[in-house]
Each structure stands twice: as structure tokens, then as C-alpha cells.
Amino acid sequence: MKVNIAVFGILRFPPQNIVKILPHLKQLIEATYKNDGCLAYDVAEDTLEPGLLRFSELWPSMERLEKHLKADHIEPWRKIAKAHGLLERKFTAYEVKSSKLV
């Protein structure tokens, strides 16, 4: 399937809460792959900034991304993130014009 949308973002938590949030994040990722049509959904903690999670996502269309943002598993995830001290949230979606490697 062709990639048309790339999303990059961050979530920032108190560093001591990362270990608590990981099982919930795993559930979110699994549900996203299973239900939302996501092509790639990668998350990693920044090696230089403890507590900072970096996200990259690839989607076949803006419609699929919008469906994901309204999916049943999103609101519970947002509540869990807030309960674990979410400090910052920033995401940006980009339209992909070409998927050729440069």
C-alpha cells in the first residue's frame, strides 16, 4: 500500500513514569495496527532526553489517520497518558509527495 501521510510527534512524561506507560503504549500500537490501517507506527524514548517519546507513523491516507484519531482505543489512551503525567504533546502530519529514497 502506498504511503501518503507521514506523522511525526512527541509525548513527554516525567522520566520515572515511562516504565508505567509502556504496557499501555504497547496496547495502543497493537490496536492501531489491527484496526486503523496504519502502515508503520514506531515509538522510541529519546536517548538524550529521558521521558521524551518520539513517534513516527505512516498512513495510506488522511482519511485513515482521521479514523484512527476517532477510534475507540484513542480516548482511553489519552486518559491513561494524562493520568501518568503527560507534560507535552505535539504531532504534525505531512503529505508525502514521493516515497523514493534519496
Protein backbone atom coordinates (compact mmCIF):
# COMPACT_ATOMS: atom_id res chain seq x y z
CA MET A 1 0.00 0.00 0.00
CA LYS A 2 1.29 3.46 -0.87
CA VAL A 3 2.30 5.90 1.86
CA ASN A 4 0.50 9.23 1.51
CA ILE A 5 0.72 10.67 5.04
CA ALA A 6 3.67 10.76 7.45
CA VAL A 7 3.17 11.82 11.06
CA PHE A 8 5.94 12.83 13.46
CA GLY A 9 5.40 13.78 17.05
CA ILE A 10 6.37 13.69 20.67
CA LEU A 11 4.87 12.95 24.04
CA ARG A 12 6.74 14.00 27.16
CA PHE A 13 6.26 12.33 30.53
CA PRO A 14 8.09 12.53 33.84
CA PRO A 15 11.01 10.11 33.24
CA GLN A 16 10.04 7.92 36.20
CA ASN A 17 6.63 7.25 34.58
CA ILE A 18 7.90 5.82 31.28
CA VAL A 19 8.08 2.27 32.60
CA LYS A 20 4.46 2.58 33.78
CA ILE A 21 3.19 3.87 30.45
CA LEU A 22 4.88 1.24 28.23
CA PRO A 23 2.30 -1.56 28.62
CA HIS A 24 -0.48 0.89 27.70
CA LEU A 25 1.53 2.18 24.75
CA LYS A 26 2.01 -1.40 23.54
CA GLN A 27 -1.77 -1.89 23.60
CA LEU A 28 -2.26 1.33 21.64
CA ILE A 29 0.23 0.29 18.97
CA GLU A 30 -1.28 -3.18 18.62
CA ALA A 31 -4.82 -1.77 18.34
CA THR A 32 -3.66 0.80 15.79
CA TYR A 33 -2.13 -1.85 13.54
CA LYS A 34 -5.10 -4.20 13.95
CA ASN A 35 -7.93 -1.70 13.47
CA ASP A 36 -6.82 1.51 11.82
CA GLY A 37 -4.90 0.62 8.65
CA CYS A 38 -1.59 2.07 9.80
CA LEU A 39 1.42 1.08 7.67
CA ALA A 40 4.12 1.88 10.26
CA TYR A 41 3.87 3.07 13.85
CA ASP A 42 7.17 3.48 15.64
CA VAL A 43 7.85 4.87 19.11
CA ALA A 44 11.13 5.26 20.98
CA GLU A 45 12.35 7.08 24.04
CA ASP A 46 14.88 9.78 23.21
CA THR A 47 18.35 8.71 24.35
CA LEU A 48 19.30 12.25 25.38
CA GLU A 49 16.03 13.34 26.98
CA PRO A 50 14.57 10.77 29.41
CA GLY A 51 10.79 10.85 29.39
CA LEU A 52 10.52 12.07 25.79
CA LEU A 53 8.81 9.62 23.44
CA ARG A 54 9.27 10.20 19.69
CA PHE A 55 6.65 8.89 17.28
CA SER A 56 6.74 8.28 13.54
CA GLU A 57 3.73 6.96 11.67
CA LEU A 58 2.98 6.16 8.02
CA TRP A 59 -0.59 6.13 6.72
CA PRO A 60 -2.14 5.33 3.34
CA SER A 61 -4.50 8.34 3.51
CA MET A 62 -5.61 11.28 5.62
CA GLU A 63 -8.97 9.54 5.97
CA ARG A 64 -7.33 6.55 7.66
CA LEU A 65 -5.41 8.84 10.01
CA GLU A 66 -8.59 10.76 10.88
CA LYS A 67 -10.40 7.47 11.52
CA HIS A 68 -7.54 6.44 13.84
CA LEU A 69 -7.84 9.67 15.83
CA LYS A 70 -11.53 8.88 16.48
CA ALA A 71 -11.05 5.15 17.14
CA ASP A 72 -12.36 3.58 20.34
CA HIS A 73 -8.85 2.92 21.68
CA ILE A 74 -7.66 6.54 21.44
CA GLU A 75 -9.65 8.20 24.22
CA PRO A 76 -8.69 5.58 26.85
CA TRP A 77 -5.04 6.00 25.81
CA ARG A 78 -5.30 9.79 26.20
CA LYS A 79 -6.80 9.38 29.69
CA ILE A 80 -4.03 6.95 30.69
CA ALA A 81 -1.36 9.32 29.33
CA LYS A 82 -2.82 12.22 31.31
CA ALA A 83 -3.04 10.07 34.46
CA HIS A 84 0.67 9.23 34.08
CA GLY A 85 1.70 12.88 33.99
CA LEU A 86 1.67 13.82 30.31
CA LEU A 87 3.61 17.09 30.12
CA GLU A 88 3.67 17.82 26.40
CA ARG A 89 2.06 16.56 23.19
CA LYS A 90 2.97 17.70 19.67
CA PHE A 91 2.18 15.93 16.40
CA THR A 92 2.40 17.08 12.79
CA ALA A 93 1.09 15.29 9.70
CA TYR A 94 2.75 15.73 6.31
CA GLU A 95 1.52 14.80 2.86
CA VAL A 96 4.05 12.52 1.17
CA LYS A 97 4.68 13.50 -2.46
CA SER A 98 7.17 10.75 -3.20
CA SER A 99 8.30 7.64 -1.43
CA LYS A 100 11.59 7.35 -3.31
CA LEU A 101 14.71 7.06 -1.22
CA VAL A 102 17.10 9.96 -1.64
